[in-house]
Amino acid sequence: MVSTLNERDIVMAMEAMAKDKNLSLRKAAKIYNITHTTLMRRMKGITPASEYRQKQHKITKIEEEVIIQHIIDMDERGFSPKFISVESMANHILESRGGKRVGKQWAYRFVNRHNILKTRFNRAYDFQRALCEDPKLINKWFQLFKNIKTKYGIQECDIWNFDETGFMMGVISSSMVITSADRRSKSKGIQPGNREWSTAIVCGNATGENIPLYLLVQGQMHLANWYSETDMPPE
């Protein structure tokens, strides 16, 4: 990109050549410390790189850098944006200065142009669980568990784990999001933990034995089609 200072020198060289017909292009370029090829291109009316980019892109380079930084900030907080969110960022900037909205494919091309960004499939992750990923707390718990197991001679078959997983329509699903290219692990989209869920309860032990799945669904009474028109197991 041509700098502001270099652009001023080019204009001054062109003005000097216009005033002095004996001033050669090479000599003018040397006087104003610019390359003769750059000056020649401008004399032929070729658009400088800075103006060419502005004509080709609705969003300026600085504005693109702001969008990239915002995407990375959101990714680091666990809220990696989707393509439609990136598109909304650009449109918000354009609308603030009376510009036209970007096209439907702009966000995809934007991510492809910048190596610092990449796409990943994220997975839904409960907010409360996201707060419990401190390695120090996890290691302390497993050390305590190991001590208790040794102290009381607990067998593997007597170690059971109970867990539940929830399902919300339109929420619990993987989706394509934009993240930093430096991210190594799969993106996690943190979701609110205060909504109604249909719940599946599972329980199994350390040897692989498990108790049949238990399902909880919202309703005031049992419906016959829950059992006759679904693929749920008879248990």
C-alpha atoms as a PDB file:
ATOM      1  CA  MET A   1       0.000   0.000   0.000  1.00  0.00           C
ATOM      2  CA  VAL A   2       1.305   3.464  -0.890  1.00  0.00           C
ATOM      3  CA  SER A   3       1.960   5.567   2.238  1.00  0.00           C
ATOM      4  CA  THR A   4       0.638   9.127   2.635  1.00  0.00           C
ATOM      5  CA  LEU A   5       4.190  10.526   2.537  1.00  0.00           C
ATOM      6  CA  ASN A   6       5.085   8.591  -0.625  1.00  0.00           C
ATOM      7  CA  GLU A   7       1.847   9.695  -2.278  1.00  0.00           C
ATOM      8  CA  ARG A   8       2.701  13.343  -1.586  1.00  0.00           C
ATOM      9  CA  ASP A   9       6.142  12.887  -3.167  1.00  0.00           C
ATOM     10  CA  ILE A  10       4.574  11.338  -6.280  1.00  0.00           C
ATOM     11  CA  VAL A  11       2.199  14.293  -6.688  1.00  0.00           C
ATOM     12  CA  MET A  12       5.042  16.785  -6.208  1.00  0.00           C
ATOM     13  CA  ALA A  13       7.179  14.973  -8.817  1.00  0.00           C
ATOM     14  CA  MET A  14       4.339  15.046 -11.336  1.00  0.00           C
ATOM     15  CA  GLU A  15       3.763  18.752 -10.715  1.00  0.00           C
ATOM     16  CA  ALA A  16       7.494  19.478 -11.129  1.00  0.00           C
ATOM     17  CA  MET A  17       7.554  17.643 -14.482  1.00  0.00           C
ATOM     18  CA  ALA A  18       4.493  19.577 -15.628  1.00  0.00           C
ATOM     19  CA  LYS A  19       6.200  22.904 -14.835  1.00  0.00           C
ATOM     20  CA  ASP A  20       9.616  21.939 -16.220  1.00  0.00           C
ATOM     21  CA  LYS A  21       9.335  20.187 -19.585  1.00  0.00           C
ATOM     22  CA  ASN A  22      13.078  19.450 -19.531  1.00  0.00           C
ATOM     23  CA  LEU A  23      12.858  17.490 -16.278  1.00  0.00           C
ATOM     24  CA  SER A  24      13.061  13.804 -17.103  1.00  0.00           C
ATOM     25  CA  LEU A  25      11.016  11.151 -15.368  1.00  0.00           C
ATOM     26  CA  ARG A  26      14.079   9.406 -13.882  1.00  0.00           C
ATOM     27  CA  LYS A  27      15.537  12.679 -12.591  1.00  0.00           C
ATOM     28  CA  ALA A  28      12.230  13.709 -11.014  1.00  0.00           C
ATOM     29  CA  ALA A  29      11.930  10.304  -9.349  1.00  0.00           C
ATOM     30  CA  LYS A  30      15.459  10.652  -7.934  1.00  0.00           C
ATOM     31  CA  ILE A  31      14.820  14.183  -6.647  1.00  0.00           C
ATOM     32  CA  TYR A  32      11.668  13.161  -4.787  1.00  0.00           C
ATOM     33  CA  ASN A  33      13.086   9.789  -3.634  1.00  0.00           C
ATOM     34  CA  ILE A  34      10.587   7.521  -5.370  1.00  0.00           C
ATOM     35  CA  THR A  35      11.077   4.721  -7.899  1.00  0.00           C
ATOM     36  CA  HIS A  36      10.827   5.716 -11.549  1.00  0.00           C
ATOM     37  CA  THR A  37       8.483   2.768 -12.223  1.00  0.00           C
ATOM     38  CA  THR A  38       6.019   4.042  -9.601  1.00  0.00           C
ATOM     39  CA  LEU A  39       6.121   7.512 -11.095  1.00  0.00           C
ATOM     40  CA  MET A  40       5.716   6.085 -14.608  1.00  0.00           C
ATOM     41  CA  ARG A  41       2.644   4.098 -13.576  1.00  0.00           C
ATOM     42  CA  ARG A  42       1.046   7.185 -12.062  1.00  0.00           C
ATOM     43  CA  MET A  43       1.823   9.239 -15.154  1.00  0.00           C
ATOM     44  CA  LYS A  44      -0.067   6.603 -17.152  1.00  0.00           C
ATOM     45  CA  GLY A  45      -3.080   6.987 -14.865  1.00  0.00           C
ATOM     46  CA  ILE A  46      -2.776   3.658 -13.026  1.00  0.00           C
ATOM     47  CA  THR A  47      -4.648   3.780  -9.689  1.00  0.00           C
ATOM     48  CA  PRO A  48      -2.457   3.504  -6.541  1.00  0.00           C
ATOM     49  CA  ALA A  49      -2.884   0.338  -4.471  1.00  0.00           C
ATOM     50  CA  SER A  50      -4.508   2.162  -1.532  1.00  0.00           C
ATOM     51  CA  GLU A  51      -7.284   3.623  -3.710  1.00  0.00           C
ATOM     52  CA  TYR A  52      -7.710   0.345  -5.606  1.00  0.00           C
ATOM     53  CA  ARG A  53      -8.354  -1.589  -2.386  1.00  0.00           C
ATOM     54  CA  GLN A  54     -10.892   0.986  -1.204  1.00  0.00           C
ATOM     55  CA  LYS A  55     -12.812   0.544  -4.459  1.00  0.00           C
ATOM     56  CA  GLN A  56     -12.690  -3.253  -4.220  1.00  0.00           C
ATOM     57  CA  HIS A  57     -13.617  -3.558  -0.524  1.00  0.00           C
ATOM     58  CA  LYS A  58     -16.480  -1.860   1.273  1.00  0.00           C
ATOM     59  CA  ILE A  59     -14.714  -2.334   4.618  1.00  0.00           C
ATOM     60  CA  THR A  60     -11.399  -0.529   5.139  1.00  0.00           C
ATOM     61  CA  LYS A  61      -8.262  -2.316   6.322  1.00  0.00           C
ATOM     62  CA  ILE A  62      -8.522  -0.759   9.797  1.00  0.00           C
ATOM     63  CA  GLU A  63     -12.188  -1.759  10.062  1.00  0.00           C
ATOM     64  CA  GLU A  64     -11.302  -5.332   9.077  1.00  0.00           C
ATOM     65  CA  GLU A  65      -8.678  -5.406  11.840  1.00  0.00           C
ATOM     66  CA  VAL A  66     -11.323  -4.275  14.340  1.00  0.00           C
ATOM     67  CA  ILE A  67     -13.669  -7.077  13.222  1.00  0.00           C
ATOM     68  CA  ILE A  68     -10.859  -9.664  13.468  1.00  0.00           C
ATOM     69  CA  GLN A  69      -9.973  -8.562  16.996  1.00  0.00           C
ATOM     70  CA  HIS A  70     -13.637  -8.676  18.048  1.00  0.00           C
ATOM     71  CA  ILE A  71     -13.966 -12.229  16.668  1.00  0.00           C
ATOM     72  CA  ILE A  72     -10.872 -13.344  18.601  1.00  0.00           C
ATOM     73  CA  ASP A  73     -12.122 -11.673  21.801  1.00  0.00           C
ATOM     74  CA  MET A  74     -15.492 -13.446  21.504  1.00  0.00           C
ATOM     75  CA  ASP A  75     -13.753 -16.768  20.780  1.00  0.00           C
ATOM     76  CA  GLU A  76     -11.572 -16.456  23.884  1.00  0.00           C
ATOM     77  CA  ARG A  77     -14.699 -15.874  26.017  1.00  0.00           C
ATOM     78  CA  GLY A  78     -16.380 -19.011  24.659  1.00  0.00           C
ATOM     79  CA  PHE A  79     -18.819 -17.215  22.342  1.00  0.00           C
ATOM     80  CA  SER A  80     -17.288 -17.899  18.915  1.00  0.00           C
ATOM     81  CA  PRO A  81     -19.402 -16.013  16.340  1.00  0.00           C
ATOM     82  CA  LYS A  82     -21.144 -17.585  13.360  1.00  0.00           C
ATOM     83  CA  PHE A  83     -20.864 -16.256   9.801  1.00  0.00           C
ATOM     84  CA  ILE A  84     -24.104 -14.317  10.182  1.00  0.00           C
ATOM     85  CA  SER A  85     -22.661 -12.552  13.249  1.00  0.00           C
ATOM     86  CA  VAL A  86     -19.525 -11.538  11.345  1.00  0.00           C
ATOM     87  CA  GLU A  87     -21.755 -10.236   8.558  1.00  0.00           C
ATOM     88  CA  SER A  88     -23.723  -8.210  11.123  1.00  0.00           C
ATOM     89  CA  MET A  89     -20.490  -6.673  12.451  1.00  0.00           C
ATOM     90  CA  ALA A  90     -19.575  -5.448   8.961  1.00  0.00           C
ATOM     91  CA  ASN A  91     -23.074  -4.139   8.264  1.00  0.00           C
ATOM     92  CA  HIS A  92     -23.107  -2.271  11.572  1.00  0.00           C
ATOM     93  CA  ILE A  93     -19.889  -0.475  10.594  1.00  0.00           C
ATOM     94  CA  LEU A  94     -21.187   0.333   7.094  1.00  0.00           C
ATOM     95  CA  GLU A  95     -24.565   1.564   8.335  1.00  0.00           C
ATOM     96  CA  SER A  96     -22.840   3.872  10.829  1.00  0.00           C
ATOM     97  CA  ARG A  97     -21.338   5.803   7.886  1.00  0.00           C
ATOM     98  CA  GLY A  98     -24.199   5.433   5.445  1.00  0.00           C
ATOM     99  CA  GLY A  99     -22.634   2.635   3.399  1.00  0.00           C
ATOM    100  CA  LYS A 100     -24.376  -0.251   1.638  1.00  0.00           C
ATOM    101  CA  ARG A 101     -24.629  -3.641   3.324  1.00  0.00           C
ATOM    102  CA  VAL A 102     -22.193  -6.428   2.439  1.00  0.00           C
ATOM    103  CA  GLY A 103     -23.235  -9.358   0.253  1.00  0.00           C
ATOM    104  CA  LYS A 104     -24.329 -12.772   1.524  1.00  0.00           C
ATOM    105  CA  GLN A 105     -20.938 -14.336   0.722  1.00  0.00           C
ATOM    106  CA  TRP A 106     -18.851 -11.543   2.245  1.00  0.00           C
ATOM    107  CA  ALA A 107     -18.292 -13.229   5.619  1.00  0.00           C
ATOM    108  CA  TYR A 108     -17.076 -16.463   3.980  1.00  0.00           C
ATOM    109  CA  ARG A 109     -14.620 -14.573   1.749  1.00  0.00           C
ATOM    110  CA  PHE A 110     -13.508 -12.451   4.713  1.00  0.00           C
ATOM    111  CA  VAL A 111     -12.533 -15.518   6.772  1.00  0.00           C
ATOM    112  CA  ASN A 112     -10.758 -17.102   3.785  1.00  0.00           C
ATOM    113  CA  ARG A 113      -8.711 -13.908   3.237  1.00  0.00           C
ATOM    114  CA  HIS A 114      -7.329 -13.866   6.776  1.00  0.00           C
ATOM    115  CA  ASN A 115      -5.107 -16.740   7.908  1.00  0.00           C
ATOM    116  CA  ILE A 116      -5.506 -15.692  11.534  1.00  0.00           C
ATOM    117  CA  LEU A 117      -9.122 -16.939  11.379  1.00  0.00           C
ATOM    118  CA  LYS A 118     -10.545 -20.376  10.647  1.00  0.00           C
ATOM    119  CA  THR A 119     -13.860 -22.215  10.885  1.00  0.00           C
ATOM    120  CA  ARG A 120     -14.670 -24.996  13.343  1.00  0.00           C
ATOM    121  CA  PHE A 121     -17.707 -26.914  14.536  1.00  0.00           C
ATOM    122  CA  ASN A 122     -18.499 -25.970  18.101  1.00  0.00           C
ATOM    123  CA  ARG A 123     -20.427 -27.978  20.652  1.00  0.00           C
ATOM    124  CA  ALA A 124     -22.940 -26.763  23.206  1.00  0.00           C
ATOM    125  CA  TYR A 125     -21.432 -26.412  26.653  1.00  0.00           C
ATOM    126  CA  ASP A 126     -23.327 -25.620  29.840  1.00  0.00           C
ATOM    127  CA  PHE A 127     -22.347 -22.390  31.552  1.00  0.00           C
ATOM    128  CA  GLN A 128     -21.903 -23.939  35.008  1.00  0.00           C
ATOM    129  CA  ARG A 129     -19.638 -26.666  33.609  1.00  0.00           C
ATOM    130  CA  ALA A 130     -17.513 -24.040  31.898  1.00  0.00           C
ATOM    131  CA  LEU A 131     -16.839 -22.571  35.345  1.00  0.00           C
ATOM    132  CA  CYS A 132     -15.516 -25.915  36.629  1.00  0.00           C
ATOM    133  CA  GLU A 133     -12.530 -26.438  34.331  1.00  0.00           C
ATOM    134  CA  ASP A 134      -9.841 -25.350  36.776  1.00  0.00           C
ATOM    135  CA  PRO A 135      -7.115 -28.082  36.522  1.00  0.00           C
ATOM    136  CA  LYS A 136      -6.107 -27.533  40.157  1.00  0.00           C
ATOM    137  CA  LEU A 137      -9.619 -28.316  41.412  1.00  0.00           C
ATOM    138  CA  ILE A 138      -9.935 -31.360  39.143  1.00  0.00           C
ATOM    139  CA  ASN A 139      -6.577 -32.846  40.204  1.00  0.00           C
ATOM    140  CA  LYS A 140      -7.385 -32.364  43.884  1.00  0.00           C
ATOM    141  CA  TRP A 141     -10.674 -34.236  43.464  1.00  0.00           C
ATOM    142  CA  PHE A 142      -9.058 -37.237  41.753  1.00  0.00           C
ATOM    143  CA  GLN A 143      -6.347 -37.417  44.401  1.00  0.00           C
ATOM    144  CA  LEU A 144      -9.026 -37.446  47.124  1.00  0.00           C
ATOM    145  CA  PHE A 145     -10.970 -40.134  45.213  1.00  0.00           C
ATOM    146  CA  LYS A 146      -7.854 -42.293  44.902  1.00  0.00           C
ATOM    147  CA  ASN A 147      -7.136 -42.031  48.651  1.00  0.00           C
ATOM    148  CA  ILE A 148     -10.709 -43.000  49.599  1.00  0.00           C
ATOM    149  CA  LYS A 149     -10.700 -45.957  47.192  1.00  0.00           C
ATOM    150  CA  THR A 150      -7.448 -47.261  48.685  1.00  0.00           C
ATOM    151  CA  LYS A 151      -8.506 -46.665  52.283  1.00  0.00           C
ATOM    152  CA  TYR A 152     -11.803 -48.593  52.029  1.00  0.00           C
ATOM    153  CA  GLY A 153     -10.757 -51.189  49.423  1.00  0.00           C
ATOM    154  CA  ILE A 154     -13.446 -50.152  46.934  1.00  0.00           C
ATOM    155  CA  GLN A 155     -13.654 -52.455  43.880  1.00  0.00           C
ATOM    156  CA  GLU A 156     -13.999 -51.270  40.265  1.00  0.00           C
ATOM    157  CA  CYS A 157     -17.443 -52.882  39.948  1.00  0.00           C
ATOM    158  CA  ASP A 158     -18.662 -50.806  42.891  1.00  0.00           C
ATOM    159  CA  ILE A 159     -17.669 -47.467  41.332  1.00  0.00           C
ATOM    160  CA  TRP A 160     -20.714 -46.000  39.595  1.00  0.00           C
ATOM    161  CA  ASN A 161     -21.151 -42.730  37.760  1.00  0.00           C
ATOM    162  CA  PHE A 162     -24.459 -40.947  37.371  1.00  0.00           C
ATOM    163  CA  ASP A 163     -24.900 -38.230  34.761  1.00  0.00           C
ATOM    164  CA  GLU A 164     -27.584 -36.415  32.847  1.00  0.00           C
ATOM    165  CA  THR A 165     -27.680 -34.696  29.496  1.00  0.00           C
ATOM    166  CA  GLY A 166     -30.309 -32.215  28.356  1.00  0.00           C
ATOM    167  CA  PHE A 167     -31.913 -31.519  25.001  1.00  0.00           C
ATOM    168  CA  MET A 168     -33.329 -28.179  23.882  1.00  0.00           C
ATOM    169  CA  MET A 169     -34.825 -27.655  20.437  1.00  0.00           C
ATOM    170  CA  GLY A 170     -32.567 -25.427  18.334  1.00  0.00           C
ATOM    171  CA  VAL A 171     -29.897 -25.118  21.013  1.00  0.00           C
ATOM    172  CA  ILE A 172     -28.109 -28.425  21.556  1.00  0.00           C
ATOM    173  CA  SER A 173     -26.478 -28.853  18.172  1.00  0.00           C
ATOM    174  CA  SER A 174     -23.119 -28.347  16.524  1.00  0.00           C
ATOM    175  CA  SER A 175     -22.701 -25.309  14.280  1.00  0.00           C
ATOM    176  CA  MET A 176     -20.004 -23.675  12.196  1.00  0.00           C
ATOM    177  CA  VAL A 177     -18.311 -20.795  14.020  1.00  0.00           C
ATOM    178  CA  ILE A 178     -15.328 -18.502  13.431  1.00  0.00           C
ATOM    179  CA  THR A 179     -12.328 -18.826  15.775  1.00  0.00           C
ATOM    180  CA  SER A 180      -8.693 -17.846  16.017  1.00  0.00           C
ATOM    181  CA  ALA A 181      -6.427 -19.999  13.831  1.00  0.00           C
ATOM    182  CA  ASP A 182      -4.224 -20.557  16.902  1.00  0.00           C
ATOM    183  CA  ARG A 183      -6.956 -22.511  18.727  1.00  0.00           C
ATOM    184  CA  ARG A 184      -6.004 -26.192  19.188  1.00  0.00           C
ATOM    185  CA  SER A 185      -9.121 -27.614  20.815  1.00  0.00           C
ATOM    186  CA  LYS A 186     -12.695 -27.797  19.519  1.00  0.00           C
ATOM    187  CA  SER A 187     -14.697 -24.629  20.090  1.00  0.00           C
ATOM    188  CA  LYS A 188     -17.298 -24.683  22.876  1.00  0.00           C
ATOM    189  CA  GLY A 189     -20.360 -22.459  22.670  1.00  0.00           C
ATOM    190  CA  ILE A 190     -21.362 -21.562  26.248  1.00  0.00           C
ATOM    191  CA  GLN A 191     -25.128 -21.467  26.634  1.00  0.00           C
ATOM    192  CA  PRO A 192     -27.375 -20.206  29.457  1.00  0.00           C
ATOM    193  CA  GLY A 193     -28.130 -22.786  32.147  1.00  0.00           C
ATOM    194  CA  ASN A 194     -31.558 -21.496  33.106  1.00  0.00           C
ATOM    195  CA  ARG A 195     -33.908 -23.011  30.454  1.00  0.00           C
ATOM    196  CA  GLU A 196     -36.310 -25.955  30.441  1.00  0.00           C
ATOM    197  CA  TRP A 197     -34.825 -29.248  29.338  1.00  0.00           C
ATOM    198  CA  SER A 198     -35.883 -32.735  28.367  1.00  0.00           C
ATOM    199  CA  THR A 199     -33.393 -34.897  30.232  1.00  0.00           C
ATOM    200  CA  ALA A 200     -31.717 -38.257  29.684  1.00  0.00           C
ATOM    201  CA  ILE A 201     -30.224 -39.901  32.780  1.00  0.00           C
ATOM    202  CA  VAL A 202     -27.484 -42.509  32.444  1.00  0.00           C
ATOM    203  CA  CYS A 203     -25.637 -44.574  35.023  1.00  0.00           C
ATOM    204  CA  GLY A 204     -22.715 -46.966  34.557  1.00  0.00           C
ATOM    205  CA  ASN A 205     -19.834 -48.453  36.536  1.00  0.00           C
ATOM    206  CA  ALA A 206     -16.078 -48.698  36.004  1.00  0.00           C
ATOM    207  CA  THR A 207     -16.318 -52.207  34.509  1.00  0.00           C
ATOM    208  CA  GLY A 208     -18.734 -51.154  31.728  1.00  0.00           C
ATOM    209  CA  GLU A 209     -22.009 -52.313  33.279  1.00  0.00           C
ATOM    210  CA  ASN A 210     -24.881 -49.845  32.891  1.00  0.00           C
ATOM    211  CA  ILE A 211     -28.446 -49.285  34.004  1.00  0.00           C
ATOM    212  CA  PRO A 212     -31.055 -48.724  31.237  1.00  0.00           C
ATOM    213  CA  LEU A 213     -31.453 -45.105  30.119  1.00  0.00           C
ATOM    214  CA  TYR A 214     -34.043 -43.031  31.993  1.00  0.00           C
ATOM    215  CA  LEU A 215     -35.814 -40.192  30.147  1.00  0.00           C
ATOM    216  CA  LEU A 216     -37.565 -37.174  31.655  1.00  0.00           C
ATOM    217  CA  VAL A 217     -39.834 -35.063  29.440  1.00  0.00           C
ATOM    218  CA  GLN A 218     -41.996 -32.080  30.256  1.00  0.00           C
ATOM    219  CA  GLY A 219     -45.709 -32.801  30.665  1.00  0.00           C
ATOM    220  CA  GLN A 220     -48.497 -33.195  33.163  1.00  0.00           C
ATOM    221  CA  MET A 221     -49.529 -36.710  32.065  1.00  0.00           C
ATOM    222  CA  HIS A 222     -48.175 -39.662  30.077  1.00  0.00           C
ATOM    223  CA  LEU A 223     -49.037 -39.835  26.382  1.00  0.00           C
ATOM    224  CA  ALA A 224     -49.511 -43.208  24.697  1.00  0.00           C
ATOM    225  CA  ASN A 225     -47.593 -42.183  21.572  1.00  0.00           C
ATOM    226  CA  TRP A 226     -44.465 -41.677  23.664  1.00  0.00           C
ATOM    227  CA  TYR A 227     -44.298 -45.469  23.861  1.00  0.00           C
ATOM    228  CA  SER A 228     -46.063 -46.609  20.705  1.00  0.00           C
ATOM    229  CA  GLU A 229     -44.810 -44.150  18.047  1.00  0.00           C
ATOM    230  CA  THR A 230     -41.189 -43.629  19.030  1.00  0.00           C
ATOM    231  CA  ASP A 231     -37.938 -45.588  18.860  1.00  0.00           C
ATOM    232  CA  MET A 232     -37.434 -45.549  22.626  1.00  0.00           C
ATOM    233  CA  PRO A 233     -36.409 -48.923  24.100  1.00  0.00           C
ATOM    234  CA  PRO A 234     -39.137 -50.839  25.991  1.00  0.00           C
ATOM    235  CA  GLU A 235     -37.280 -50.503  29.311  1.00  0.00           C
END
